[in-house]
N, C-alpha and C. Protein backbone atom coordinates (compact mmCIF):
# COMPACT_ATOMS: atom_id res chain seq x y z
N MET A 1 22.47 -9.98 17.29
CA MET A 1 22.81 -9.57 15.94
C MET A 1 21.62 -8.83 15.34
N SER A 2 21.89 -7.74 14.66
CA SER A 2 20.80 -6.97 14.06
C SER A 2 20.25 -7.68 12.84
N GLU A 3 19.07 -7.24 12.42
CA GLU A 3 18.45 -7.85 11.24
C GLU A 3 19.33 -7.70 10.01
N VAL A 4 19.99 -6.52 9.88
CA VAL A 4 20.88 -6.29 8.74
C VAL A 4 22.06 -7.26 8.78
N GLU A 5 22.66 -7.43 9.98
CA GLU A 5 23.79 -8.36 10.11
C GLU A 5 23.34 -9.78 9.80
N THR A 6 22.17 -10.15 10.30
CA THR A 6 21.63 -11.48 10.04
C THR A 6 21.40 -11.68 8.56
N SER A 7 20.80 -10.68 7.93
CA SER A 7 20.53 -10.75 6.50
C SER A 7 21.84 -10.89 5.73
N GLY A 8 22.85 -10.12 6.10
CA GLY A 8 24.14 -10.20 5.43
C GLY A 8 24.81 -11.54 5.63
N ALA A 9 24.72 -12.07 6.85
CA ALA A 9 25.31 -13.38 7.15
C ALA A 9 24.62 -14.47 6.35
N LEU A 10 23.30 -14.40 6.26
CA LEU A 10 22.56 -15.41 5.50
C LEU A 10 22.87 -15.32 4.01
N LYS A 11 23.01 -14.11 3.50
CA LYS A 11 23.39 -13.96 2.09
C LYS A 11 24.76 -14.57 1.84
N ARG A 12 25.67 -14.35 2.77
CA ARG A 12 27.01 -14.90 2.63
C ARG A 12 26.96 -16.44 2.67
N LEU A 13 26.19 -17.00 3.60
CA LEU A 13 26.05 -18.45 3.67
C LEU A 13 25.40 -19.00 2.41
N ARG A 14 24.39 -18.31 1.92
CA ARG A 14 23.72 -18.76 0.70
C ARG A 14 24.72 -18.80 -0.47
N TRP A 15 25.56 -17.78 -0.55
CA TRP A 15 26.58 -17.72 -1.60
C TRP A 15 27.57 -18.87 -1.43
N ARG A 16 27.95 -19.17 -0.20
CA ARG A 16 28.91 -20.24 0.06
C ARG A 16 28.34 -21.62 -0.25
N CYS A 17 27.02 -21.75 -0.28
CA CYS A 17 26.38 -23.04 -0.62
C CYS A 17 26.51 -23.34 -2.11
N ARG A 18 26.86 -22.35 -2.90
CA ARG A 18 27.05 -22.55 -4.34
C ARG A 18 28.43 -23.15 -4.54
N ARG A 19 28.46 -24.43 -4.77
CA ARG A 19 29.72 -25.16 -4.76
C ARG A 19 30.26 -25.51 -6.14
N GLY A 20 29.48 -25.35 -7.17
CA GLY A 20 29.96 -25.69 -8.50
C GLY A 20 29.38 -26.99 -9.03
N THR A 21 28.73 -27.75 -8.17
CA THR A 21 28.00 -28.92 -8.65
C THR A 21 26.55 -28.76 -8.20
N ARG A 22 25.68 -29.05 -9.10
CA ARG A 22 24.24 -28.88 -8.81
C ARG A 22 23.82 -29.70 -7.59
N GLU A 23 24.38 -30.89 -7.47
CA GLU A 23 24.00 -31.77 -6.37
C GLU A 23 24.33 -31.15 -5.02
N LEU A 24 25.57 -30.69 -4.86
CA LEU A 24 25.94 -30.05 -3.60
C LEU A 24 25.17 -28.76 -3.38
N ASP A 25 24.98 -27.99 -4.44
CA ASP A 25 24.21 -26.75 -4.32
C ASP A 25 22.81 -27.03 -3.74
N VAL A 26 22.16 -28.06 -4.26
CA VAL A 26 20.80 -28.40 -3.82
C VAL A 26 20.81 -28.91 -2.38
N LEU A 27 21.73 -29.80 -2.07
CA LEU A 27 21.78 -30.38 -0.73
C LEU A 27 22.09 -29.33 0.33
N LEU A 28 23.13 -28.55 0.11
CA LEU A 28 23.53 -27.55 1.10
C LEU A 28 22.56 -26.38 1.15
N GLY A 29 22.16 -25.89 -0.02
CA GLY A 29 21.21 -24.78 -0.06
C GLY A 29 19.86 -25.15 0.53
N GLY A 30 19.44 -26.39 0.31
CA GLY A 30 18.18 -26.86 0.88
C GLY A 30 18.22 -26.89 2.40
N TRP A 31 19.35 -27.32 2.95
CA TRP A 31 19.49 -27.33 4.41
C TRP A 31 19.38 -25.90 4.94
N LEU A 32 20.09 -24.98 4.28
CA LEU A 32 20.06 -23.59 4.74
C LEU A 32 18.65 -23.02 4.65
N ASP A 33 17.94 -23.30 3.58
CA ASP A 33 16.57 -22.80 3.44
C ASP A 33 15.69 -23.27 4.59
N GLU A 34 15.86 -24.51 5.01
CA GLU A 34 15.05 -25.07 6.10
C GLU A 34 15.50 -24.60 7.48
N HIS A 35 16.75 -24.18 7.60
CA HIS A 35 17.31 -23.84 8.91
C HIS A 35 17.70 -22.37 9.01
N VAL A 36 17.06 -21.53 8.23
CA VAL A 36 17.39 -20.11 8.21
C VAL A 36 17.18 -19.48 9.60
N GLN A 37 16.31 -20.05 10.40
CA GLN A 37 16.06 -19.53 11.75
C GLN A 37 16.85 -20.28 12.82
N ALA A 38 17.82 -21.09 12.41
CA ALA A 38 18.61 -21.87 13.36
C ALA A 38 19.40 -20.93 14.27
N ASP A 39 19.80 -21.47 15.41
CA ASP A 39 20.59 -20.66 16.35
C ASP A 39 21.96 -20.34 15.74
N ALA A 40 22.59 -19.32 16.28
CA ALA A 40 23.87 -18.83 15.75
C ALA A 40 24.94 -19.92 15.79
N ARG A 41 24.91 -20.77 16.81
CA ARG A 41 25.93 -21.81 16.92
C ARG A 41 25.80 -22.82 15.78
N THR A 42 24.58 -23.20 15.43
CA THR A 42 24.36 -24.15 14.34
C THR A 42 24.78 -23.54 13.01
N LEU A 43 24.42 -22.28 12.79
CA LEU A 43 24.81 -21.62 11.54
C LEU A 43 26.32 -21.44 11.47
N ALA A 44 26.96 -21.18 12.60
CA ALA A 44 28.43 -21.07 12.61
C ALA A 44 29.07 -22.42 12.28
N ALA A 45 28.49 -23.50 12.78
CA ALA A 45 29.01 -24.84 12.46
C ALA A 45 28.85 -25.11 10.96
N PHE A 46 27.70 -24.74 10.41
CA PHE A 46 27.47 -24.91 8.97
C PHE A 46 28.49 -24.10 8.17
N ASP A 47 28.71 -22.87 8.59
CA ASP A 47 29.68 -22.00 7.93
C ASP A 47 31.07 -22.63 7.96
N ALA A 48 31.46 -23.15 9.10
CA ALA A 48 32.77 -23.79 9.23
C ALA A 48 32.86 -25.04 8.36
N MET A 49 31.77 -25.80 8.30
CA MET A 49 31.75 -27.00 7.47
C MET A 49 31.96 -26.64 6.00
N LEU A 50 31.44 -25.50 5.58
CA LEU A 50 31.59 -25.08 4.19
C LEU A 50 33.03 -24.73 3.82
N ASP A 51 33.91 -24.62 4.81
CA ASP A 51 35.33 -24.39 4.54
C ASP A 51 36.02 -25.65 4.02
N GLU A 52 35.38 -26.78 4.23
CA GLU A 52 35.98 -28.06 3.82
C GLU A 52 35.84 -28.25 2.31
N PRO A 53 36.73 -29.03 1.71
CA PRO A 53 36.68 -29.27 0.26
C PRO A 53 35.42 -30.05 -0.15
N ASP A 54 34.95 -29.75 -1.34
CA ASP A 54 33.74 -30.39 -1.85
C ASP A 54 33.79 -31.91 -1.82
N PRO A 55 34.88 -32.54 -2.26
CA PRO A 55 34.89 -34.01 -2.24
C PRO A 55 34.70 -34.59 -0.84
N LEU A 56 35.23 -33.92 0.15
CA LEU A 56 35.08 -34.38 1.52
C LEU A 56 33.64 -34.24 2.00
N ILE A 57 33.04 -33.07 1.73
CA ILE A 57 31.63 -32.86 2.08
C ILE A 57 30.76 -33.89 1.36
N TRP A 58 31.05 -34.14 0.11
CA TRP A 58 30.28 -35.13 -0.67
C TRP A 58 30.38 -36.51 -0.01
N ASP A 59 31.59 -36.89 0.39
CA ASP A 59 31.76 -38.20 1.04
C ASP A 59 30.94 -38.28 2.33
N TRP A 60 30.88 -37.21 3.08
CA TRP A 60 30.05 -37.21 4.30
C TRP A 60 28.59 -37.38 3.94
N LEU A 61 28.15 -36.64 2.93
CA LEU A 61 26.73 -36.68 2.55
C LEU A 61 26.33 -38.02 1.96
N MET A 62 27.26 -38.70 1.33
CA MET A 62 26.98 -40.01 0.74
C MET A 62 27.30 -41.14 1.71
N ALA A 63 27.64 -40.80 2.94
CA ALA A 63 27.93 -41.75 4.01
C ALA A 63 29.16 -42.62 3.72
N CYS A 64 30.08 -42.11 2.94
CA CYS A 64 31.34 -42.82 2.73
C CYS A 64 32.27 -42.60 3.92
N GLU A 65 32.11 -41.47 4.58
CA GLU A 65 32.89 -41.12 5.76
C GLU A 65 31.98 -40.34 6.71
N ARG A 66 32.40 -40.25 7.96
CA ARG A 66 31.68 -39.43 8.94
C ARG A 66 32.41 -38.11 9.09
N ALA A 67 31.65 -37.06 9.32
CA ALA A 67 32.24 -35.75 9.57
C ALA A 67 33.03 -35.80 10.88
N PRO A 68 34.15 -35.09 10.97
CA PRO A 68 34.99 -35.18 12.15
C PRO A 68 34.42 -34.46 13.38
N ARG A 69 33.47 -33.59 13.17
CA ARG A 69 32.86 -32.87 14.29
C ARG A 69 31.41 -33.31 14.46
N ALA A 70 30.98 -33.44 15.69
CA ALA A 70 29.61 -33.89 15.98
C ALA A 70 28.57 -32.92 15.43
N ASP A 71 28.84 -31.60 15.54
CA ASP A 71 27.86 -30.63 15.03
C ASP A 71 27.76 -30.69 13.51
N TRP A 72 28.87 -30.98 12.84
CA TRP A 72 28.82 -31.15 11.39
C TRP A 72 28.04 -32.41 11.04
N GLN A 73 28.27 -33.47 11.80
CA GLN A 73 27.57 -34.73 11.51
C GLN A 73 26.07 -34.57 11.69
N GLU A 74 25.64 -33.76 12.66
CA GLU A 74 24.21 -33.49 12.83
C GLU A 74 23.64 -32.82 11.58
N ILE A 75 24.38 -31.89 11.02
CA ILE A 75 23.94 -31.21 9.80
C ILE A 75 23.90 -32.22 8.65
N VAL A 76 24.94 -33.01 8.51
CA VAL A 76 25.00 -34.04 7.46
C VAL A 76 23.82 -35.00 7.60
N ASP A 77 23.55 -35.44 8.82
CA ASP A 77 22.43 -36.36 9.05
C ASP A 77 21.10 -35.72 8.67
N ALA A 78 20.94 -34.44 8.98
CA ALA A 78 19.70 -33.73 8.63
C ALA A 78 19.54 -33.64 7.11
N ILE A 79 20.64 -33.38 6.42
CA ILE A 79 20.59 -33.31 4.95
C ILE A 79 20.26 -34.68 4.38
N ARG A 80 20.90 -35.72 4.89
CA ARG A 80 20.66 -37.08 4.39
C ARG A 80 19.22 -37.49 4.64
N THR A 81 18.68 -37.15 5.81
CA THR A 81 17.29 -37.49 6.12
C THR A 81 16.33 -36.76 5.21
N ARG A 82 16.58 -35.47 5.01
CA ARG A 82 15.69 -34.66 4.16
C ARG A 82 15.62 -35.20 2.75
N HIS A 83 16.73 -35.68 2.25
CA HIS A 83 16.79 -36.15 0.85
C HIS A 83 16.74 -37.67 0.74
N ARG A 84 16.48 -38.33 1.86
CA ARG A 84 16.38 -39.80 1.89
C ARG A 84 17.60 -40.48 1.28
N LEU A 85 18.76 -40.03 1.71
CA LEU A 85 20.01 -40.60 1.21
C LEU A 85 20.48 -41.74 2.10
């Protein structure tokens, strides 16, 4: 992927992290900031996870439920660890 495509993809992901609640914005945006150099597969998993509804993502992040995909759960675990949740 070219630098322009990467830049565009990251801008799109950054925009998708804006969920309407400050808490989710901080948690998701913070993960992206730390993993901006992640491999394409991890970023694609994050992108797919962002398709899920906010209440469901929130439940995963608060450990009320587990994410249905292992790659999503890895992201959730990284977010929880970073924020000591």
